[in-house]
């Protein structure tokens, strides 16, 4: 069974950058889509970014498009999220996900990591 471990979260100031990492173990995920979700305090979990299997297409929620970049290292079985120009509203717990189906907000068959906290101060 695959396990996902996120890292790289922290406390930063508005305008700063941060890179999140997600290391997968237990299964080679090079042929599976992966993505990032986040959950802010008092809000529902929301989709952030997704990447198709291999090093395929990438897609983002409008709130982060142009500021965040999703990427993966197939050799390391890892996923990344480069976050630039961070804003206080980006404060949330960020979760790494994988699935044998496309990563979308309605996909009910995803494997989740435990998350990493990102806090952006103004």
PDB file of N, CA and C in Angstrom:
ATOM      1  N   UNK A   1       0.841  -1.185   0.000  1.00  0.00           N
ATOM      2  CA  UNK A   1       0.000   0.000   0.000  1.00  0.00           C
ATOM      3  C   UNK A   1       0.883   1.244   0.000  1.00  0.00           C
ATOM      4  N   UNK A   2       0.517   2.214  -0.799  1.00  0.00           N
ATOM      5  CA  UNK A   2       1.339   3.412  -0.925  1.00  0.00           C
ATOM      6  C   UNK A   2       1.186   4.298   0.292  1.00  0.00           C
ATOM      7  N   UNK A   3       2.283   4.930   0.676  1.00  0.00           N
ATOM      8  CA  UNK A   3       2.272   5.925   1.740  1.00  0.00           C
ATOM      9  C   UNK A   3       2.866   7.210   1.204  1.00  0.00           C
ATOM     10  N   UNK A   4       2.261   8.343   1.585  1.00  0.00           N
ATOM     11  CA  UNK A   4       2.707   9.651   1.134  1.00  0.00           C
ATOM     12  C   UNK A   4       3.135  10.463   2.340  1.00  0.00           C
ATOM     13  N   UNK A   5       4.325  11.054   2.256  1.00  0.00           N
ATOM     14  CA  UNK A   5       4.854  11.848   3.359  1.00  0.00           C
ATOM     15  C   UNK A   5       5.223  13.225   2.857  1.00  0.00           C
ATOM     16  N   UNK A   6       4.500  14.241   3.349  1.00  0.00           N
ATOM     17  CA  UNK A   6       4.762  15.616   2.965  1.00  0.00           C
ATOM     18  C   UNK A   6       5.810  16.247   3.886  1.00  0.00           C
ATOM     19  N   UNK A   7       6.520  17.218   3.349  1.00  0.00           N
ATOM     20  CA  UNK A   7       7.472  17.995   4.144  1.00  0.00           C
ATOM     21  C   UNK A   7       7.655  19.348   3.485  1.00  0.00           C
ATOM     22  N   UNK A   8       8.303  20.256   4.212  1.00  0.00           N
ATOM     23  CA  UNK A   8       8.634  21.559   3.646  1.00  0.00           C
ATOM     24  C   UNK A   8       7.762  22.707   4.110  1.00  0.00           C
ATOM     25  N   UNK A   9       6.735  22.405   4.888  1.00  0.00           N
ATOM     26  CA  UNK A   9       5.891  23.478   5.383  1.00  0.00           C
ATOM     27  C   UNK A   9       6.628  24.343   6.389  1.00  0.00           C
ATOM     28  N   UNK A  10       6.016  25.479   6.725  1.00  0.00           N
ATOM     29  CA  UNK A  10       6.635  26.365   7.697  1.00  0.00           C
ATOM     30  C   UNK A  10       5.892  27.678   7.797  1.00  0.00           C
ATOM     31  N   UNK A  11       6.511  28.616   8.495  1.00  0.00           N
ATOM     32  CA  UNK A  11       5.951  29.957   8.672  1.00  0.00           C
ATOM     33  C   UNK A  11       6.783  30.931   7.850  1.00  0.00           C
ATOM     34  N   UNK A  12       6.120  31.639   6.954  1.00  0.00           N
ATOM     35  CA  UNK A  12       6.798  32.601   6.089  1.00  0.00           C
ATOM     36  C   UNK A  12       6.002  33.894   6.061  1.00  0.00           C
ATOM     37  N   UNK A  13       6.591  34.914   5.464  1.00  0.00           N
ATOM     38  CA  UNK A  13       5.902  36.190   5.323  1.00  0.00           C
ATOM     39  C   UNK A  13       5.288  36.296   3.926  1.00  0.00           C
ATOM     40  N   UNK A  14       4.305  37.134   3.821  1.00  0.00           N
ATOM     41  CA  UNK A  14       3.666  37.379   2.530  1.00  0.00           C
ATOM     42  C   UNK A  14       4.729  37.796   1.511  1.00  0.00           C
ATOM     43  N   UNK A  15       4.632  37.211   0.324  1.00  0.00           N
ATOM     44  CA  UNK A  15       5.599  37.491  -0.721  1.00  0.00           C
ATOM     45  C   UNK A  15       6.739  36.496  -0.799  1.00  0.00           C
ATOM     46  N   UNK A  16       6.905  35.717   0.251  1.00  0.00           N
ATOM     47  CA  UNK A  16       7.986  34.726   0.276  1.00  0.00           C
ATOM     48  C   UNK A  16       7.638  33.505  -0.578  1.00  0.00           C
ATOM     49  N   UNK A  17       8.625  32.628  -0.718  1.00  0.00           N
ATOM     50  CA  UNK A  17       8.450  31.375  -1.448  1.00  0.00           C
ATOM     51  C   UNK A  17       8.686  30.191  -0.525  1.00  0.00           C
ATOM     52  N   UNK A  18       8.097  29.067  -0.909  1.00  0.00           N
ATOM     53  CA  UNK A  18       8.250  27.833  -0.143  1.00  0.00           C
ATOM     54  C   UNK A  18       8.067  26.664  -1.100  1.00  0.00           C
ATOM     55  N   UNK A  19       8.806  25.604  -0.884  1.00  0.00           N
ATOM     56  CA  UNK A  19       8.646  24.410  -1.716  1.00  0.00           C
ATOM     57  C   UNK A  19       8.236  23.234  -0.847  1.00  0.00           C
ATOM     58  N   UNK A  20       7.120  22.639  -1.177  1.00  0.00           N
ATOM     59  CA  UNK A  20       6.650  21.442  -0.489  1.00  0.00           C
ATOM     60  C   UNK A  20       7.110  20.202  -1.247  1.00  0.00           C
ATOM     61  N   UNK A  21       7.396  19.160  -0.503  1.00  0.00           N
ATOM     62  CA  UNK A  21       7.790  17.879  -1.098  1.00  0.00           C
ATOM     63  C   UNK A  21       6.871  16.785  -0.598  1.00  0.00           C
ATOM     64  N   UNK A  22       6.710  15.775  -1.418  1.00  0.00           N
ATOM     65  CA  UNK A  22       5.907  14.608  -1.053  1.00  0.00           C
ATOM     66  C   UNK A  22       6.652  13.371  -1.534  1.00  0.00           C
ATOM     67  N   UNK A  23       7.051  12.548  -0.589  1.00  0.00           N
ATOM     68  CA  UNK A  23       7.770  11.327  -0.928  1.00  0.00           C
ATOM     69  C   UNK A  23       6.818  10.145  -0.832  1.00  0.00           C
ATOM     70  N   UNK A  24       6.787   9.354  -1.889  1.00  0.00           N
ATOM     71  CA  UNK A  24       5.906   8.191  -1.924  1.00  0.00           C
ATOM     72  C   UNK A  24       6.709   6.916  -1.676  1.00  0.00           C
ATOM     73  N   UNK A  25       6.116   6.000  -0.948  1.00  0.00           N
ATOM     74  CA  UNK A  25       6.741   4.704  -0.711  1.00  0.00           C
ATOM     75  C   UNK A  25       5.698   3.614  -0.830  1.00  0.00           C
ATOM     76  N   UNK A  26       6.156   2.423  -1.169  1.00  0.00           N
ATOM     77  CA  UNK A  26       5.252   1.290  -1.252  1.00  0.00           C
ATOM     78  C   UNK A  26       4.768   0.971  -2.651  1.00  0.00           C
ATOM     79  N   UNK A  27       4.891   1.919  -3.556  1.00  0.00           N
ATOM     80  CA  UNK A  27       4.452   1.682  -4.933  1.00  0.00           C
ATOM     81  C   UNK A  27       5.084   2.735  -5.834  1.00  0.00           C
ATOM     82  N   UNK A  28       5.442   2.331  -7.032  1.00  0.00           N
ATOM     83  CA  UNK A  28       5.976   3.278  -8.014  1.00  0.00           C
ATOM     84  C   UNK A  28       4.808   4.071  -8.588  1.00  0.00           C
ATOM     85  N   UNK A  29       4.845   5.384  -8.427  1.00  0.00           N
ATOM     86  CA  UNK A  29       3.716   6.213  -8.839  1.00  0.00           C
ATOM     87  C   UNK A  29       3.942   6.906 -10.176  1.00  0.00           C
ATOM     88  N   UNK A  30       4.945   6.480 -10.926  1.00  0.00           N
ATOM     89  CA  UNK A  30       5.261   7.182 -12.169  1.00  0.00           C
ATOM     90  C   UNK A  30       4.127   7.102 -13.185  1.00  0.00           C
ATOM     91  N   UNK A  31       3.270   6.094 -13.063  1.00  0.00           N
ATOM     92  CA  UNK A  31       2.162   5.960 -14.016  1.00  0.00           C
ATOM     93  C   UNK A  31       0.845   6.453 -13.436  1.00  0.00           C
ATOM     94  N   UNK A  32       0.899   7.115 -12.294  1.00  0.00           N
ATOM     95  CA  UNK A  32      -0.326   7.574 -11.651  1.00  0.00           C
ATOM     96  C   UNK A  32      -0.353   9.093 -11.525  1.00  0.00           C
ATOM     97  N   UNK A  33      -1.522   9.672 -11.664  1.00  0.00           N
ATOM     98  CA  UNK A  33      -1.638  11.113 -11.412  1.00  0.00           C
ATOM     99  C   UNK A  33      -1.386  11.413  -9.938  1.00  0.00           C
ATOM    100  N   UNK A  34      -0.911  12.611  -9.684  1.00  0.00           N
ATOM    101  CA  UNK A  34      -0.699  13.059  -8.308  1.00  0.00           C
ATOM    102  C   UNK A  34      -1.150  14.514  -8.188  1.00  0.00           C
ATOM    103  N   UNK A  35      -1.289  14.982  -6.961  1.00  0.00           N
ATOM    104  CA  UNK A  35      -1.731  16.355  -6.804  1.00  0.00           C
ATOM    105  C   UNK A  35      -1.607  16.858  -5.381  1.00  0.00           C
ATOM    106  N   UNK A  36      -2.043  18.094  -5.210  1.00  0.00           N
ATOM    107  CA  UNK A  36      -2.034  18.760  -3.905  1.00  0.00           C
ATOM    108  C   UNK A  36      -3.417  19.327  -3.616  1.00  0.00           C
ATOM    109  N   UNK A  37      -3.846  19.150  -2.384  1.00  0.00           N
ATOM    110  CA  UNK A  37      -5.027  19.791  -1.847  1.00  0.00           C
ATOM    111  C   UNK A  37      -4.593  20.602  -0.631  1.00  0.00           C
ATOM    112  N   UNK A  38      -5.470  21.475  -0.150  1.00  0.00           N
ATOM    113  CA  UNK A  38      -5.191  22.209   1.075  1.00  0.00           C
ATOM    114  C   UNK A  38      -6.476  22.433   1.848  1.00  0.00           C
ATOM    115  N   UNK A  39      -6.313  22.633   3.147  1.00  0.00           N
ATOM    116  CA  UNK A  39      -7.457  22.924   4.006  1.00  0.00           C
ATOM    117  C   UNK A  39      -7.080  24.030   4.971  1.00  0.00           C
ATOM    118  N   UNK A  40      -7.777  25.138   4.842  1.00  0.00           N
ATOM    119  CA  UNK A  40      -7.569  26.271   5.739  1.00  0.00           C
ATOM    120  C   UNK A  40      -8.462  26.116   6.962  1.00  0.00           C
ATOM    121  N   UNK A  41      -8.111  26.776   8.061  1.00  0.00           N
ATOM    122  CA  UNK A  41      -8.928  26.675   9.279  1.00  0.00           C
ATOM    123  C   UNK A  41     -10.371  27.073   9.018  1.00  0.00           C
ATOM    124  N   UNK A  42     -11.294  26.211   9.408  1.00  0.00           N
ATOM    125  CA  UNK A  42     -12.708  26.512   9.267  1.00  0.00           C
ATOM    126  C   UNK A  42     -13.259  26.380   7.861  1.00  0.00           C
ATOM    127  N   UNK A  43     -12.446  25.886   6.940  1.00  0.00           N
ATOM    128  CA  UNK A  43     -12.894  25.754   5.550  1.00  0.00           C
ATOM    129  C   UNK A  43     -12.788  24.311   5.090  1.00  0.00           C
ATOM    130  N   UNK A  44     -13.474  24.012   4.003  1.00  0.00           N
ATOM    131  CA  UNK A  44     -13.404  22.684   3.432  1.00  0.00           C
ATOM    132  C   UNK A  44     -12.079  22.495   2.675  1.00  0.00           C
ATOM    133  N   UNK A  45     -11.712  21.226   2.552  1.00  0.00           N
ATOM    134  CA  UNK A  45     -10.514  20.911   1.803  1.00  0.00           C
ATOM    135  C   UNK A  45     -10.728  21.287   0.340  1.00  0.00           C
ATOM    136  N   UNK A  46      -9.713  21.884  -0.309  1.00  0.00           N
ATOM    137  CA  UNK A  46      -9.870  22.316  -1.686  1.00  0.00           C
ATOM    138  C   UNK A  46      -8.693  21.848  -2.543  1.00  0.00           C
ATOM    139  N   UNK A  47      -8.984  21.618  -3.813  1.00  0.00           N
ATOM    140  CA  UNK A  47      -7.974  21.234  -4.780  1.00  0.00           C
ATOM    141  C   UNK A  47      -7.035  22.411  -5.039  1.00  0.00           C
ATOM    142  N   UNK A  48      -5.738  22.117  -5.177  1.00  0.00           N
ATOM    143  CA  UNK A  48      -4.751  23.152  -5.467  1.00  0.00           C
ATOM    144  C   UNK A  48      -4.126  22.931  -6.849  1.00  0.00           C
ATOM    145  N   UNK A  49      -3.565  21.743  -7.065  1.00  0.00           N
ATOM    146  CA  UNK A  49      -2.850  21.484  -8.320  1.00  0.00           C
ATOM    147  C   UNK A  49      -2.792  19.997  -8.578  1.00  0.00           C
ATOM    148  N   UNK A  50      -2.706  19.633  -9.869  1.00  0.00           N
ATOM    149  CA  UNK A  50      -2.605  18.235 -10.235  1.00  0.00           C
ATOM    150  C   UNK A  50      -1.634  18.053 -11.386  1.00  0.00           C
ATOM    151  N   UNK A  51      -1.083  16.848 -11.497  1.00  0.00           N
ATOM    152  CA  UNK A  51      -0.175  16.522 -12.585  1.00  0.00           C
ATOM    153  C   UNK A  51      -0.502  15.118 -13.068  1.00  0.00           C
ATOM    154  N   UNK A  52      -0.563  14.964 -14.384  1.00  0.00           N
ATOM    155  CA  UNK A  52      -0.930  13.671 -14.956  1.00  0.00           C
ATOM    156  C   UNK A  52       0.205  12.662 -14.784  1.00  0.00           C
ATOM    157  N   UNK A  53      -0.056  11.417 -15.139  1.00  0.00           N
ATOM    158  CA  UNK A  53       0.963  10.378 -14.982  1.00  0.00           C
ATOM    159  C   UNK A  53       2.177  10.699 -15.850  1.00  0.00           C
ATOM    160  N   UNK A  54       3.307  10.081 -15.483  1.00  0.00           N
ATOM    161  CA  UNK A  54       4.550  10.428 -16.163  1.00  0.00           C
ATOM    162  C   UNK A  54       4.900  11.854 -15.785  1.00  0.00           C
ATOM    163  N   UNK A  55       5.207  12.659 -16.744  1.00  0.00           N
ATOM    164  CA  UNK A  55       5.431  14.088 -16.493  1.00  0.00           C
ATOM    165  C   UNK A  55       4.476  14.859 -17.383  1.00  0.00           C
ATOM    166  N   UNK A  56       3.219  14.491 -17.272  1.00  0.00           N
ATOM    167  CA  UNK A  56       2.225  15.010 -18.181  1.00  0.00           C
ATOM    168  C   UNK A  56       1.663  16.368 -17.812  1.00  0.00           C
ATOM    169  N   UNK A  57       0.436  16.574 -18.228  1.00  0.00           N
ATOM    170  CA  UNK A  57      -0.180  17.882 -18.075  1.00  0.00           C
ATOM    171  C   UNK A  57      -0.346  18.311 -16.628  1.00  0.00           C
ATOM    172  N   UNK A  58      -0.273  19.598 -16.413  1.00  0.00           N
ATOM    173  CA  UNK A  58      -0.404  20.163 -15.086  1.00  0.00           C
ATOM    174  C   UNK A  58      -1.578  21.123 -15.090  1.00  0.00           C
ATOM    175  N   UNK A  59      -2.299  21.193 -13.988  1.00  0.00           N
ATOM    176  CA  UNK A  59      -3.444  22.072 -13.909  1.00  0.00           C
ATOM    177  C   UNK A  59      -3.573  22.573 -12.478  1.00  0.00           C
ATOM    178  N   UNK A  60      -4.183  23.770 -12.351  1.00  0.00           N
ATOM    179  CA  UNK A  60      -4.204  24.477 -11.080  1.00  0.00           C
ATOM    180  C   UNK A  60      -5.562  25.105 -10.821  1.00  0.00           C
ATOM    181  N   UNK A  61      -5.869  25.301  -9.565  1.00  0.00           N
ATOM    182  CA  UNK A  61      -7.011  26.114  -9.235  1.00  0.00           C
ATOM    183  C   UNK A  61      -6.665  27.565  -9.551  1.00  0.00           C
ATOM    184  N   UNK A  62      -7.660  28.369  -9.876  1.00  0.00           N
ATOM    185  CA  UNK A  62      -7.407  29.733 -10.328  1.00  0.00           C
ATOM    186  C   UNK A  62      -6.706  30.579  -9.260  1.00  0.00           C
ATOM    187  N   UNK A  63      -6.929  30.276  -7.998  1.00  0.00           N
ATOM    188  CA  UNK A  63      -6.356  31.075  -6.920  1.00  0.00           C
ATOM    189  C   UNK A  63      -4.832  31.008  -6.858  1.00  0.00           C
ATOM    190  N   UNK A  64      -4.247  29.949  -7.434  1.00  0.00           N
ATOM    191  CA  UNK A  64      -2.792  29.788  -7.342  1.00  0.00           C
ATOM    192  C   UNK A  64      -2.113  29.811  -8.701  1.00  0.00           C
ATOM    193  N   UNK A  65      -2.888  29.842  -9.777  1.00  0.00           N
ATOM    194  CA  UNK A  65      -2.311  29.817 -11.117  1.00  0.00           C
ATOM    195  C   UNK A  65      -1.375  30.997 -11.312  1.00  0.00           C
ATOM    196  N   UNK A  66      -0.182  30.719 -11.821  1.00  0.00           N
ATOM    197  CA  UNK A  66       0.815  31.768 -12.014  1.00  0.00           C
ATOM    198  C   UNK A  66       1.719  31.974 -10.813  1.00  0.00           C
ATOM    199  N   UNK A  67       1.339  31.429  -9.662  1.00  0.00           N
ATOM    200  CA  UNK A  67       2.169  31.568  -8.457  1.00  0.00           C
ATOM    201  C   UNK A  67       2.740  30.223  -7.994  1.00  0.00           C
ATOM    202  N   UNK A  68       2.000  29.156  -8.200  1.00  0.00           N
ATOM    203  CA  UNK A  68       2.420  27.823  -7.772  1.00  0.00           C
ATOM    204  C   UNK A  68       2.785  26.982  -8.985  1.00  0.00           C
ATOM    205  N   UNK A  69       3.761  26.085  -8.792  1.00  0.00           N
ATOM    206  CA  UNK A  69       4.173  25.168  -9.846  1.00  0.00           C
ATOM    207  C   UNK A  69       4.289  23.759  -9.281  1.00  0.00           C
ATOM    208  N   UNK A  70       3.556  22.835  -9.887  1.00  0.00           N
ATOM    209  CA  UNK A  70       3.624  21.441  -9.477  1.00  0.00           C
ATOM    210  C   UNK A  70       4.596  20.702 -10.382  1.00  0.00           C
ATOM    211  N   UNK A  71       5.363  19.808  -9.792  1.00  0.00           N
ATOM    212  CA  UNK A  71       6.318  19.019 -10.580  1.00  0.00           C
ATOM    213  C   UNK A  71       6.549  17.687  -9.877  1.00  0.00           C
ATOM    214  N   UNK A  72       7.180  16.782 -10.598  1.00  0.00           N
ATOM    215  CA  UNK A  72       7.460  15.475  -9.994  1.00  0.00           C
ATOM    216  C   UNK A  72       8.807  14.971 -10.470  1.00  0.00           C
ATOM    217  N   UNK A  73       9.441  14.163  -9.631  1.00  0.00           N
ATOM    218  CA  UNK A  73      10.699  13.505  -9.972  1.00  0.00           C
ATOM    219  C   UNK A  73      10.406  12.006 -10.025  1.00  0.00           C
ATOM    220  N   UNK A  74      10.319  11.485 -11.232  1.00  0.00           N
ATOM    221  CA  UNK A  74       9.950  10.083 -11.382  1.00  0.00           C
ATOM    222  C   UNK A  74      10.983   9.152 -10.752  1.00  0.00           C
ATOM    223  N   UNK A  75      12.243   9.516 -10.852  1.00  0.00           N
ATOM    224  CA  UNK A  75      13.297   8.663 -10.300  1.00  0.00           C
ATOM    225  C   UNK A  75      13.221   8.591  -8.780  1.00  0.00           C
ATOM    226  N   UNK A  76      12.787   9.691  -8.159  1.00  0.00           N
ATOM    227  CA  UNK A  76      12.695   9.742  -6.697  1.00  0.00           C
ATOM    228  C   UNK A  76      11.302   9.408  -6.196  1.00  0.00           C
ATOM    229  N   UNK A  77      10.378   9.137  -7.129  1.00  0.00           N
ATOM    230  CA  UNK A  77       8.989   8.831  -6.732  1.00  0.00           C
ATOM    231  C   UNK A  77       8.442   9.933  -5.835  1.00  0.00           C
ATOM    232  N   UNK A  78       8.696  11.170  -6.226  1.00  0.00           N
ATOM    233  CA  UNK A  78       8.355  12.320  -5.386  1.00  0.00           C
ATOM    234  C   UNK A  78       7.597  13.384  -6.162  1.00  0.00           C
ATOM    235  N   UNK A  79       6.852  14.156  -5.429  1.00  0.00           N
ATOM    236  CA  UNK A  79       6.045  15.252  -5.960  1.00  0.00           C
ATOM    237  C   UNK A  79       6.442  16.533  -5.235  1.00  0.00           C
ATOM    238  N   UNK A  80       6.349  17.662  -5.943  1.00  0.00           N
ATOM    239  CA  UNK A  80       6.732  18.939  -5.363  1.00  0.00           C
ATOM    240  C   UNK A  80       5.683  20.002  -5.664  1.00  0.00           C
ATOM    241  N   UNK A  81       5.679  21.031  -4.822  1.00  0.00           N
ATOM    242  CA  UNK A  81       4.848  22.202  -5.077  1.00  0.00           C
ATOM    243  C   UNK A  81       5.678  23.429  -4.739  1.00  0.00           C
ATOM    244  N   UNK A  82       6.106  24.127  -5.789  1.00  0.00           N
ATOM    245  CA  UNK A  82       6.830  25.380  -5.615  1.00  0.00           C
ATOM    246  C   UNK A  82       5.805  26.494  -5.472  1.00  0.00           C
ATOM    247  N   UNK A  83       5.852  27.204  -4.343  1.00  0.00           N
ATOM    248  CA  UNK A  83       4.878  28.252  -4.064  1.00  0.00           C
ATOM    249  C   UNK A  83       5.592  29.583  -3.975  1.00  0.00           C
ATOM    250  N   UNK A  84       5.283  30.475  -4.895  1.00  0.00           N
ATOM    251  CA  UNK A  84       5.879  31.807  -4.931  1.00  0.00           C
ATOM    252  C   UNK A  84       4.829  32.862  -4.627  1.00  0.00           C
ATOM    253  N   UNK A  85       5.299  34.045  -4.237  1.00  0.00           N
ATOM    254  CA  UNK A  85       4.398  35.167  -3.958  1.00  0.00           C
ATOM    255  C   UNK A  85       3.269  34.740  -3.011  1.00  0.00           C
ATOM    256  N   UNK A  86       3.646  34.108  -1.930  1.00  0.00           N
ATOM    257  CA  UNK A  86       2.652  33.590  -1.000  1.00  0.00           C
ATOM    258  C   UNK A  86       1.841  34.715  -0.367  1.00  0.00           C
ATOM    259  N   UNK A  87       0.586  34.394  -0.079  1.00  0.00           N
ATOM    260  CA  UNK A  87      -0.354  35.338   0.507  1.00  0.00           C
ATOM    261  C   UNK A  87      -0.898  34.764   1.807  1.00  0.00           C
ATOM    262  N   UNK A  88      -1.383  35.616   2.698  1.00  0.00           N
ATOM    263  CA  UNK A  88      -1.968  35.092   3.944  1.00  0.00           C
ATOM    264  C   UNK A  88      -3.086  34.085   3.682  1.00  0.00           C
ATOM    265  N   UNK A  89      -3.836  34.265   2.600  1.00  0.00           N
ATOM    266  CA  UNK A  89      -4.942  33.338   2.301  1.00  0.00           C
ATOM    267  C   UNK A  89      -4.447  31.973   1.818  1.00  0.00           C
ATOM    268  N   UNK A  90      -3.150  31.818   1.613  1.00  0.00           N
ATOM    269  CA  UNK A  90      -2.595  30.500   1.288  1.00  0.00           C
ATOM    270  C   UNK A  90      -2.339  29.667   2.547  1.00  0.00           C
ATOM    271  N   UNK A  91      -2.524  30.264   3.703  1.00  0.00           N
ATOM    272  CA  UNK A  91      -2.339  29.539   4.957  1.00  0.00           C
ATOM    273  C   UNK A  91      -3.289  28.357   5.030  1.00  0.00           C
ATOM    274  N   UNK A  92      -2.718  27.163   5.217  1.00  0.00           N
ATOM    275  CA  UNK A  92      -3.522  25.944   5.234  1.00  0.00           C
ATOM    276  C   UNK A  92      -2.613  24.748   5.523  1.00  0.00           C
ATOM    277  N   UNK A  93      -3.243  23.627   5.765  1.00  0.00           N
ATOM    278  CA  UNK A  93      -2.517  22.351   5.758  1.00  0.00           C
ATOM    279  C   UNK A  93      -2.561  21.834   4.320  1.00  0.00           C
ATOM    280  N   UNK A  94      -1.416  21.495   3.787  1.00  0.00           N
ATOM    281  CA  UNK A  94      -1.311  21.038   2.400  1.00  0.00           C
ATOM    282  C   UNK A  94      -1.121  19.530   2.374  1.00  0.00           C
ATOM    283  N   UNK A  95      -1.931  18.870   1.541  1.00  0.00           N
ATOM    284  CA  UNK A  95      -1.936  17.420   1.459  1.00  0.00           C
ATOM    285  C   UNK A  95      -1.519  16.952   0.066  1.00  0.00           C
ATOM    286  N   UNK A  96      -0.714  15.939   0.029  1.00  0.00           N
ATOM    287  CA  UNK A  96      -0.324  15.262  -1.202  1.00  0.00           C
ATOM    288  C   UNK A  96      -1.306  14.111  -1.446  1.00  0.00           C
ATOM    289  N   UNK A  97      -1.682  13.909  -2.712  1.00  0.00           N
ATOM    290  CA  UNK A  97      -2.613  12.833  -3.037  1.00  0.00           C
ATOM    291  C   UNK A  97      -2.149  12.099  -4.285  1.00  0.00           C
ATOM    292  N   UNK A  98      -2.584  10.855  -4.394  1.00  0.00           N
ATOM    293  CA  UNK A  98      -2.383  10.094  -5.612  1.00  0.00           C
ATOM    294  C   UNK A  98      -3.617   9.237  -5.852  1.00  0.00           C
ATOM    295  N   UNK A  99      -3.774   8.832  -7.089  1.00  0.00           N
ATOM    296  CA  UNK A  99      -4.940   8.037  -7.451  1.00  0.00           C
ATOM    297  C   UNK A  99      -4.664   7.367  -8.788  1.00  0.00           C
ATOM    298  N   UNK A 100      -5.394   6.311  -9.076  1.00  0.00           N
ATOM    299  CA  UNK A 100      -5.309   5.696 -10.399  1.00  0.00           C
ATOM    300  C   UNK A 100      -6.253   6.392 -11.374  1.00  0.00           C
ATOM    301  N   UNK A 101      -7.001   7.367 -10.867  1.00  0.00           N
ATOM    302  CA  UNK A 101      -7.860   8.185 -11.703  1.00  0.00           C
ATOM    303  C   UNK A 101      -7.359   9.622 -11.660  1.00  0.00           C
ATOM    304  N   UNK A 102      -7.798  10.477 -12.598  1.00  0.00           N
ATOM    305  CA  UNK A 102      -7.357  11.883 -12.581  1.00  0.00           C
ATOM    306  C   UNK A 102      -7.640  12.556 -11.242  1.00  0.00           C
ATOM    307  N   UNK A 103      -6.766  13.422 -10.839  1.00  0.00           N
ATOM    308  CA  UNK A 103      -6.914  14.151  -9.589  1.00  0.00           C
ATOM    309  C   UNK A 103      -7.899  15.296  -9.803  1.00  0.00           C
ATOM    310  N   UNK A 104      -9.045  15.185  -9.203  1.00  0.00           N
ATOM    311  CA  UNK A 104     -10.069  16.217  -9.293  1.00  0.00           C
ATOM    312  C   UNK A 104     -10.741  16.351  -7.926  1.00  0.00           C
ATOM    313  N   UNK A 105     -11.438  17.455  -7.710  1.00  0.00           N
ATOM    314  CA  UNK A 105     -12.126  17.615  -6.417  1.00  0.00           C
ATOM    315  C   UNK A 105     -13.181  16.547  -6.147  1.00  0.00           C
ATOM    316  N   UNK A 106     -13.678  15.885  -7.187  1.00  0.00           N
ATOM    317  CA  UNK A 106     -14.745  14.905  -7.007  1.00  0.00           C
ATOM    318  C   UNK A 106     -14.245  13.459  -6.958  1.00  0.00           C
ATOM    319  N   UNK A 107     -12.959  13.261  -7.099  1.00  0.00           N
ATOM    320  CA  UNK A 107     -12.390  11.916  -7.035  1.00  0.00           C
ATOM    321  C   UNK A 107     -12.432  11.412  -5.600  1.00  0.00           C
ATOM    322  N   UNK A 108     -13.181  10.351  -5.372  1.00  0.00           N
ATOM    323  CA  UNK A 108     -13.336   9.795  -4.026  1.00  0.00           C
ATOM    324  C   UNK A 108     -12.368   8.647  -3.761  1.00  0.00           C
ATOM    325  N   UNK A 109     -11.498   8.366  -4.706  1.00  0.00           N
ATOM    326  CA  UNK A 109     -10.587   7.230  -4.565  1.00  0.00           C
ATOM    327  C   UNK A 109      -9.145   7.703  -4.624  1.00  0.00           C
ATOM    328  N   UNK A 110      -8.803   8.577  -3.697  1.00  0.00           N
ATOM    329  CA  UNK A 110      -7.439   9.081  -3.623  1.00  0.00           C
ATOM    330  C   UNK A 110      -6.791   8.634  -2.323  1.00  0.00           C
ATOM    331  N   UNK A 111      -5.490   8.445  -2.382  1.00  0.00           N
ATOM    332  CA  UNK A 111      -4.696   8.188  -1.180  1.00  0.00           C
ATOM    333  C   UNK A 111      -4.105   9.508  -0.718  1.00  0.00           C
ATOM    334  N   UNK A 112      -4.211   9.771   0.580  1.00  0.00           N
ATOM    335  CA  UNK A 112      -3.802  11.057   1.146  1.00  0.00           C
ATOM    336  C   UNK A 112      -2.606  10.900   2.069  1.00  0.00           C
ATOM    337  N   UNK A 113      -1.743  11.939   2.067  1.00  0.00           N
ATOM    338  CA  UNK A 113      -0.733  12.035   3.093  1.00  0.00           C
ATOM    339  C   UNK A 113      -1.328  12.672   4.339  1.00  0.00           C
ATOM    340  N   UNK A 114      -0.500  12.864   5.351  1.00  0.00           N
ATOM    341  CA  UNK A 114      -0.971  13.447   6.602  1.00  0.00           C
ATOM    342  C   UNK A 114      -0.946  14.964   6.597  1.00  0.00           C
ATOM    343  N   UNK A 115      -0.276  15.553   5.622  1.00  0.00           N
ATOM    344  CA  UNK A 115      -0.292  16.997   5.481  1.00  0.00           C
ATOM    345  C   UNK A 115       0.890  17.700   6.118  1.00  0.00           C
ATOM    346  N   UNK A 116       1.124  18.923   5.636  1.00  0.00           N
ATOM    347  CA  UNK A 116       2.168  19.778   6.199  1.00  0.00           C
ATOM    348  C   UNK A 116       1.601  21.196   6.292  1.00  0.00           C
ATOM    349  N   UNK A 117       1.856  21.859   7.403  1.00  0.00           N
ATOM    350  CA  UNK A 117       1.266  23.176   7.669  1.00  0.00           C
ATOM    351  C   UNK A 117       2.076  24.281   7.001  1.00  0.00           C
ATOM    352  N   UNK A 118       1.356  25.151   6.313  1.00  0.00           N
ATOM    353  CA  UNK A 118       1.955  26.358   5.738  1.00  0.00           C
ATOM    354  C   UNK A 118       1.239  27.560   6.350  1.00  0.00           C
ATOM    355  N   UNK A 119       1.987  28.458   6.937  1.00  0.00           N
ATOM    356  CA  UNK A 119       1.423  29.665   7.536  1.00  0.00           C
ATOM    357  C   UNK A 119       2.096  30.873   6.919  1.00  0.00           C
ATOM    358  N   UNK A 120       1.281  31.763   6.371  1.00  0.00           N
ATOM    359  CA  UNK A 120       1.792  32.967   5.724  1.00  0.00           C
ATOM    360  C   UNK A 120       1.319  34.178   6.525  1.00  0.00           C
ATOM    361  N   UNK A 121       2.249  34.915   7.069  1.00  0.00           N
ATOM    362  CA  UNK A 121       1.896  36.089   7.866  1.00  0.00           C
ATOM    363  C   UNK A 121       1.938  37.339   6.996  1.00  0.00           C
ATOM    364  N   UNK A 122       1.090  38.292   7.352  1.00  0.00           N
ATOM    365  CA  UNK A 122       1.011  39.529   6.560  1.00  0.00           C
ATOM    366  C   UNK A 122       2.005  40.566   7.040  1.00  0.00           C
TER     367      UNK A 122
END
